[in-house]
Every structure is written in structure tokens, then in C-alpha cells.
N, C-alpha and C. Protein backbone atom coordinates (compact mmCIF):
# COMPACT_ATOMS: atom_id res chain seq x y z
N UNK A 1 0.85 -1.13 0.02
CA UNK A 1 0.00 0.02 -0.05
C UNK A 1 0.99 1.29 0.05
N UNK A 2 0.57 2.15 -0.80
CA UNK A 2 1.20 3.52 -0.74
C UNK A 2 0.50 4.37 0.07
N UNK A 3 1.01 4.57 1.32
CA UNK A 3 0.24 5.21 2.39
C UNK A 3 -0.07 6.64 2.03
N UNK A 4 0.77 7.45 1.35
CA UNK A 4 0.48 8.77 1.00
C UNK A 4 -0.63 8.85 -0.02
N UNK A 5 -0.61 7.98 -1.02
CA UNK A 5 -1.73 8.03 -2.02
C UNK A 5 -2.95 7.48 -1.32
N UNK A 6 -2.90 6.50 -0.53
CA UNK A 6 -4.07 5.97 0.12
C UNK A 6 -4.80 7.07 0.97
N UNK A 7 -4.03 7.79 1.76
CA UNK A 7 -4.61 8.77 2.65
C UNK A 7 -5.09 10.10 1.73
N UNK A 8 -4.44 10.34 0.67
CA UNK A 8 -4.86 11.45 -0.23
C UNK A 8 -6.27 11.02 -0.88
N UNK A 9 -6.36 9.78 -1.27
CA UNK A 9 -7.70 9.36 -1.84
C UNK A 9 -8.73 9.33 -0.77
N UNK A 10 -8.36 8.82 0.49
CA UNK A 10 -9.31 8.78 1.65
C UNK A 10 -9.76 10.22 1.97
N UNK A 11 -8.80 11.14 2.05
CA UNK A 11 -9.26 12.62 2.32
C UNK A 11 -10.13 13.18 1.17
N UNK A 12 -9.90 12.81 -0.04
CA UNK A 12 -10.75 13.16 -1.11
C UNK A 12 -12.24 12.65 -0.98
N UNK A 13 -12.25 11.37 -0.69
CA UNK A 13 -13.62 10.75 -0.36
C UNK A 13 -14.33 11.38 0.86
N UNK A 14 -13.61 11.64 1.86
CA UNK A 14 -14.12 12.27 3.10
C UNK A 14 -14.59 13.71 2.71
N UNK A 15 -13.82 14.41 1.92
CA UNK A 15 -14.15 15.70 1.46
C UNK A 15 -15.48 15.68 0.67
N UNK A 16 -15.59 14.78 -0.20
CA UNK A 16 -16.92 14.70 -1.01
C UNK A 16 -18.11 14.37 -0.05
N UNK A 17 -17.90 13.42 0.87
CA UNK A 17 -18.92 13.10 1.74
C UNK A 17 -19.35 14.25 2.70
N UNK A 18 -18.24 14.89 3.07
CA UNK A 18 -18.49 16.07 4.10
C UNK A 18 -19.51 17.15 3.49
N UNK A 19 -19.40 17.35 2.20
CA UNK A 19 -20.29 18.26 1.59
C UNK A 19 -21.73 17.81 1.74
N UNK A 20 -22.02 16.60 1.92
CA UNK A 20 -23.35 16.03 2.06
C UNK A 20 -23.85 16.16 3.45
N UNK A 21 -22.91 16.20 4.44
CA UNK A 21 -23.42 16.11 5.83
C UNK A 21 -22.56 17.14 6.66
N UNK A 22 -22.62 18.46 6.25
CA UNK A 22 -21.76 19.48 6.84
C UNK A 22 -21.95 19.63 8.33
N UNK A 23 -23.15 19.40 8.91
CA UNK A 23 -23.32 19.56 10.42
C UNK A 23 -22.71 18.40 11.15
N UNK A 24 -22.84 17.21 10.58
CA UNK A 24 -22.21 16.10 11.15
C UNK A 24 -20.62 16.34 11.14
N UNK A 25 -20.13 16.78 10.01
CA UNK A 25 -18.64 17.03 10.01
C UNK A 25 -18.29 18.13 11.04
N UNK A 26 -19.01 19.20 11.07
CA UNK A 26 -18.80 20.28 12.06
C UNK A 26 -18.74 19.70 13.48
N UNK A 27 -19.71 18.89 13.81
CA UNK A 27 -19.71 18.35 15.16
C UNK A 27 -18.55 17.46 15.36
N UNK A 28 -18.21 16.62 14.37
CA UNK A 28 -17.12 15.77 14.53
C UNK A 28 -15.74 16.47 14.77
N UNK A 29 -15.60 17.54 13.99
CA UNK A 29 -14.40 18.40 14.06
C UNK A 29 -14.33 19.04 15.39
N UNK A 30 -15.41 19.52 16.01
CA UNK A 30 -15.47 20.12 17.45
C UNK A 30 -15.01 18.98 18.37
N UNK A 31 -15.57 17.85 18.30
CA UNK A 31 -15.38 16.81 19.13
C UNK A 31 -13.90 16.36 19.11
N UNK A 32 -13.29 16.23 17.91
CA UNK A 32 -11.91 15.84 17.72
C UNK A 32 -10.96 17.00 18.34
N UNK A 33 -11.25 18.20 18.08
CA UNK A 33 -10.40 19.25 18.56
C UNK A 33 -10.42 19.12 20.16
N UNK A 34 -11.60 19.00 20.77
CA UNK A 34 -11.59 18.91 22.17
C UNK A 34 -10.99 17.70 22.74
N UNK A 35 -11.11 16.71 22.05
CA UNK A 35 -10.35 15.26 22.46
C UNK A 35 -8.85 15.41 22.44
N UNK A 36 -8.39 16.15 21.42
CA UNK A 36 -6.97 16.08 21.25
C UNK A 36 -6.19 17.28 21.99
N UNK A 37 -6.90 18.17 22.60
CA UNK A 37 -6.27 19.21 23.24
C UNK A 37 -5.36 18.70 24.42
N UNK A 38 -4.18 19.26 24.56
CA UNK A 38 -3.35 18.89 25.70
C UNK A 38 -4.10 19.20 27.01
N UNK A 39 -3.90 18.26 27.83
CA UNK A 39 -4.49 18.41 29.24
C UNK A 39 -3.76 17.60 30.18
N UNK A 40 -4.32 16.70 30.92
CA UNK A 40 -3.49 15.77 31.78
C UNK A 40 -2.75 14.74 30.88
N UNK A 41 -3.18 14.57 29.74
CA UNK A 41 -2.48 13.77 28.71
C UNK A 41 -2.21 14.57 27.54
N UNK A 42 -0.97 14.47 26.97
CA UNK A 42 -0.48 15.21 25.85
C UNK A 42 -1.23 14.68 24.61
N UNK A 43 -1.28 15.63 23.53
CA UNK A 43 -1.78 15.23 22.30
C UNK A 43 -1.12 13.96 21.80
N UNK A 44 0.12 13.90 21.92
CA UNK A 44 0.92 12.68 21.44
C UNK A 44 0.46 11.40 22.15
N UNK A 45 0.26 11.46 23.53
CA UNK A 45 -0.31 10.25 24.17
C UNK A 45 -1.68 9.88 23.64
N UNK A 46 -2.49 10.88 23.41
CA UNK A 46 -3.81 10.66 22.91
C UNK A 46 -3.81 10.10 21.51
N UNK A 47 -2.83 10.56 20.67
CA UNK A 47 -2.68 9.93 19.35
C UNK A 47 -2.27 8.43 19.45
N UNK A 48 -1.31 8.11 20.39
CA UNK A 48 -1.02 6.73 20.50
C UNK A 48 -2.20 5.91 20.98
N UNK A 49 -3.03 6.39 21.80
CA UNK A 49 -4.33 5.74 22.18
C UNK A 49 -5.08 5.52 20.94
N UNK A 50 -5.33 6.57 20.21
CA UNK A 50 -6.09 6.41 18.97
C UNK A 50 -5.52 5.37 17.97
N UNK A 51 -4.21 5.48 17.93
CA UNK A 51 -3.55 4.48 17.06
C UNK A 51 -3.88 2.95 17.54
N UNK A 52 -3.89 2.80 18.73
CA UNK A 52 -4.20 1.46 19.36
C UNK A 52 -5.61 1.02 19.03
N UNK A 53 -6.45 1.97 19.23
CA UNK A 53 -7.88 1.68 18.85
C UNK A 53 -8.11 1.48 17.26
N UNK A 54 -7.34 2.22 16.55
CA UNK A 54 -7.30 1.92 15.06
C UNK A 54 -6.87 0.54 14.70
N UNK A 55 -5.90 0.17 15.34
CA UNK A 55 -5.38 -1.22 15.12
C UNK A 55 -6.38 -2.26 15.59
N UNK A 56 -6.99 -2.04 16.69
CA UNK A 56 -7.92 -2.97 17.34
C UNK A 56 -9.12 -3.11 16.39
N UNK A 57 -9.53 -2.00 15.73
CA UNK A 57 -10.81 -1.98 14.93
C UNK A 57 -10.33 -2.24 13.42
N UNK A 58 -9.10 -2.45 13.16
CA UNK A 58 -8.54 -2.73 11.82
C UNK A 58 -9.03 -1.77 10.78
N UNK A 59 -8.81 -0.46 11.11
CA UNK A 59 -9.13 0.72 10.26
C UNK A 59 -7.95 1.23 9.59
N UNK A 60 -7.74 0.83 8.35
CA UNK A 60 -6.50 1.35 7.67
C UNK A 60 -6.38 2.76 7.60
N UNK A 61 -7.44 3.38 7.20
CA UNK A 61 -7.40 4.89 7.06
C UNK A 61 -7.13 5.55 8.49
N UNK A 62 -7.72 5.04 9.59
CA UNK A 62 -7.46 5.61 10.86
C UNK A 62 -5.91 5.30 11.23
N UNK A 63 -5.39 4.26 10.94
CA UNK A 63 -4.04 3.90 11.13
C UNK A 63 -3.10 5.00 10.42
N UNK A 64 -3.43 5.14 9.15
CA UNK A 64 -2.66 6.24 8.40
C UNK A 64 -2.71 7.49 9.10
N UNK A 65 -4.00 7.99 9.46
CA UNK A 65 -4.13 9.39 9.85
C UNK A 65 -3.40 9.55 11.21
N UNK A 66 -3.51 8.53 12.10
CA UNK A 66 -2.88 8.68 13.44
C UNK A 66 -1.33 8.45 13.36
N UNK A 67 -0.84 7.53 12.45
CA UNK A 67 0.63 7.46 12.32
C UNK A 67 1.27 8.71 11.76
N UNK A 68 0.47 9.35 10.87
CA UNK A 68 0.92 10.54 10.27
C UNK A 68 0.96 11.72 11.32
N UNK A 69 -0.08 11.70 12.16
CA UNK A 69 -0.10 12.68 13.33
C UNK A 69 0.95 12.46 14.23
N UNK A 70 1.32 11.16 14.53
CA UNK A 70 2.47 10.88 15.50
C UNK A 70 3.64 11.33 14.89
N UNK A 71 3.99 11.23 13.70
CA UNK A 71 5.19 11.75 12.99
C UNK A 71 5.30 13.36 13.20
N UNK A 72 4.08 14.00 13.00
CA UNK A 72 4.10 15.32 13.10
C UNK A 72 4.38 15.77 14.54
N UNK A 73 3.93 15.05 15.54
CA UNK A 73 4.14 15.30 16.89
C UNK A 73 5.51 14.85 17.46
N UNK A 74 6.24 14.34 16.58
CA UNK A 74 7.65 14.04 16.97
C UNK A 74 7.89 12.66 17.68
N UNK A 75 6.86 11.78 17.46
CA UNK A 75 7.02 10.45 18.06
C UNK A 75 8.20 9.71 17.38
N UNK A 76 8.97 9.11 18.29
CA UNK A 76 10.09 8.35 17.78
C UNK A 76 9.77 6.95 17.31
N UNK A 77 10.62 6.36 16.51
CA UNK A 77 10.23 5.01 16.11
C UNK A 77 10.32 4.06 17.33
N UNK A 78 11.15 4.29 18.34
CA UNK A 78 11.12 3.41 19.48
C UNK A 78 9.78 3.61 20.25
N UNK A 79 9.30 4.73 20.33
CA UNK A 79 8.03 5.00 21.04
C UNK A 79 6.95 4.30 20.19
N UNK A 80 6.99 4.41 18.96
CA UNK A 80 6.08 3.68 18.16
C UNK A 80 5.97 2.23 18.26
N UNK A 81 7.28 1.59 18.28
CA UNK A 81 7.31 0.22 18.37
C UNK A 81 6.83 -0.25 19.78
N UNK A 82 7.16 0.46 20.82
CA UNK A 82 6.54 0.10 22.14
C UNK A 82 5.05 0.20 22.17
N UNK A 83 4.48 1.17 21.60
CA UNK A 83 3.03 1.32 21.52
C UNK A 83 2.49 0.19 20.71
N UNK A 84 3.07 -0.18 19.53
CA UNK A 84 2.59 -1.20 18.71
C UNK A 84 2.75 -2.55 19.39
N UNK A 85 3.78 -2.76 20.23
CA UNK A 85 3.95 -4.03 21.00
C UNK A 85 2.76 -4.16 21.98
N UNK A 86 2.38 -3.17 22.54
CA UNK A 86 1.12 -3.21 23.56
C UNK A 86 -0.14 -3.54 22.67
N UNK A 87 -0.29 -2.78 21.53
CA UNK A 87 -1.45 -3.09 20.78
C UNK A 87 -1.51 -4.56 20.36
N UNK A 88 -0.32 -5.09 19.92
CA UNK A 88 -0.32 -6.52 19.54
C UNK A 88 -0.55 -7.47 20.79
N UNK A 89 -0.02 -7.13 21.91
CA UNK A 89 -0.29 -7.94 23.09
C UNK A 89 -1.86 -7.98 23.39
N UNK A 90 -2.47 -6.82 23.20
CA UNK A 90 -3.90 -6.63 23.65
C UNK A 90 -4.74 -7.30 22.57
N UNK A 91 -4.26 -7.37 21.37
CA UNK A 91 -5.19 -7.70 20.17
C UNK A 91 -4.93 -9.02 19.52
N UNK A 92 -3.69 -9.59 20.01
CA UNK A 92 -3.40 -10.89 19.35
C UNK A 92 -3.01 -10.73 17.82
N UNK A 93 -3.15 -11.98 17.20
CA UNK A 93 -2.69 -12.07 15.80
C UNK A 93 -3.21 -11.02 14.87
N UNK A 94 -4.46 -10.66 14.83
CA UNK A 94 -4.94 -9.65 13.90
C UNK A 94 -4.22 -8.27 14.19
N UNK A 95 -4.07 -7.97 15.47
CA UNK A 95 -3.43 -6.75 15.83
C UNK A 95 -1.96 -6.74 15.49
N UNK A 96 -1.28 -7.86 15.51
CA UNK A 96 0.08 -8.11 15.03
C UNK A 96 0.26 -7.60 13.66
N UNK A 97 -0.72 -8.08 12.75
CA UNK A 97 -0.52 -7.68 11.33
C UNK A 97 -0.91 -6.21 11.17
N UNK A 98 -1.82 -5.65 11.81
CA UNK A 98 -2.10 -4.23 11.72
C UNK A 98 -1.11 -3.34 12.32
N UNK A 99 -0.47 -3.83 13.37
CA UNK A 99 0.66 -3.14 13.97
C UNK A 99 1.80 -3.00 12.94
N UNK A 100 2.03 -4.10 12.23
CA UNK A 100 3.02 -3.95 11.13
C UNK A 100 2.74 -3.03 10.13
N UNK A 101 1.45 -2.90 9.72
CA UNK A 101 0.94 -1.89 8.88
C UNK A 101 1.24 -0.47 9.39
N UNK A 102 0.93 -0.44 10.63
CA UNK A 102 1.04 0.98 11.26
C UNK A 102 2.60 1.35 11.29
N UNK A 103 3.53 0.46 11.56
CA UNK A 103 4.93 0.80 11.57
C UNK A 103 5.30 1.19 10.14
N UNK A 104 4.80 0.50 9.08
CA UNK A 104 5.22 0.85 7.73
C UNK A 104 4.64 2.24 7.48
N UNK A 105 3.41 2.55 7.92
CA UNK A 105 2.84 3.92 7.63
C UNK A 105 3.78 4.92 8.40
N UNK A 106 4.11 4.69 9.63
CA UNK A 106 5.03 5.59 10.26
C UNK A 106 6.30 5.84 9.62
N UNK A 107 6.90 4.79 9.04
CA UNK A 107 8.12 4.91 8.33
C UNK A 107 8.01 5.74 7.00
N UNK A 108 6.90 5.48 6.34
CA UNK A 108 6.64 6.29 5.04
C UNK A 108 6.43 7.74 5.43
N UNK A 109 5.64 8.10 6.52
CA UNK A 109 5.48 9.50 6.86
C UNK A 109 6.72 10.11 7.45
N UNK A 110 7.62 9.31 7.87
CA UNK A 110 8.81 9.86 8.46
C UNK A 110 9.91 10.14 7.47
N UNK A 111 9.61 9.73 6.24
CA UNK A 111 10.70 9.97 5.11
C UNK A 111 10.76 11.45 4.76
């Protein structure tokens, strides 16, 4: 999978759908902004949590979005691998495969 092309296509699809349901999108955006705001937990910590959930739910686009955000937030490869080890532990075999996808996405967005 070409992660950059995949996310560009996903963003285009989301953009088209967003025009159809603008109030839903506005609400989702407000919720996301509030959820990601630094507080007792940093945005980076919250993005690691979101990545774990993305792996558990096997959502490729979510994995890409959160891996890209973690690169933007300065997550190291070592931090990524430790978080992915935990996701794998909690989710077993399927999460092992999706954790490998997430590491590939991290590497692509780190280039």
C-alpha cells in the first residue's frame, strides 16, 4: 500500500462526503479538537491511544491518519514500536498484522 496515495484518496472521499453532511462534520471536528487538546494527557499520548484503537478496529485509514499525526508530533520509532507491542499484546494475531501496517505507515510518513 502506498500510504501517502491511500490517505490522499481517503481525504478526497471524506471531502466529498463532508459536503453532504456538513453539520455532522462540524460536530465531529469540534469533538476531535476537544479530545486532542493537551490536558492531563498530551496530544501525542492521545494519538498513541487512537492508534491502538485503530489497530484493534482494523481501520486502515485511521492507522494512516494517526501514524501521520504521530510523526508530526515528533514520536520516535522506539515509542511507536513500544506502543505497537502493546497493541499487539492486547489484540493478538490480527493486531500483530495491523501493527506491522502501522509501523510501515510511520516509516513512510517519516521519510
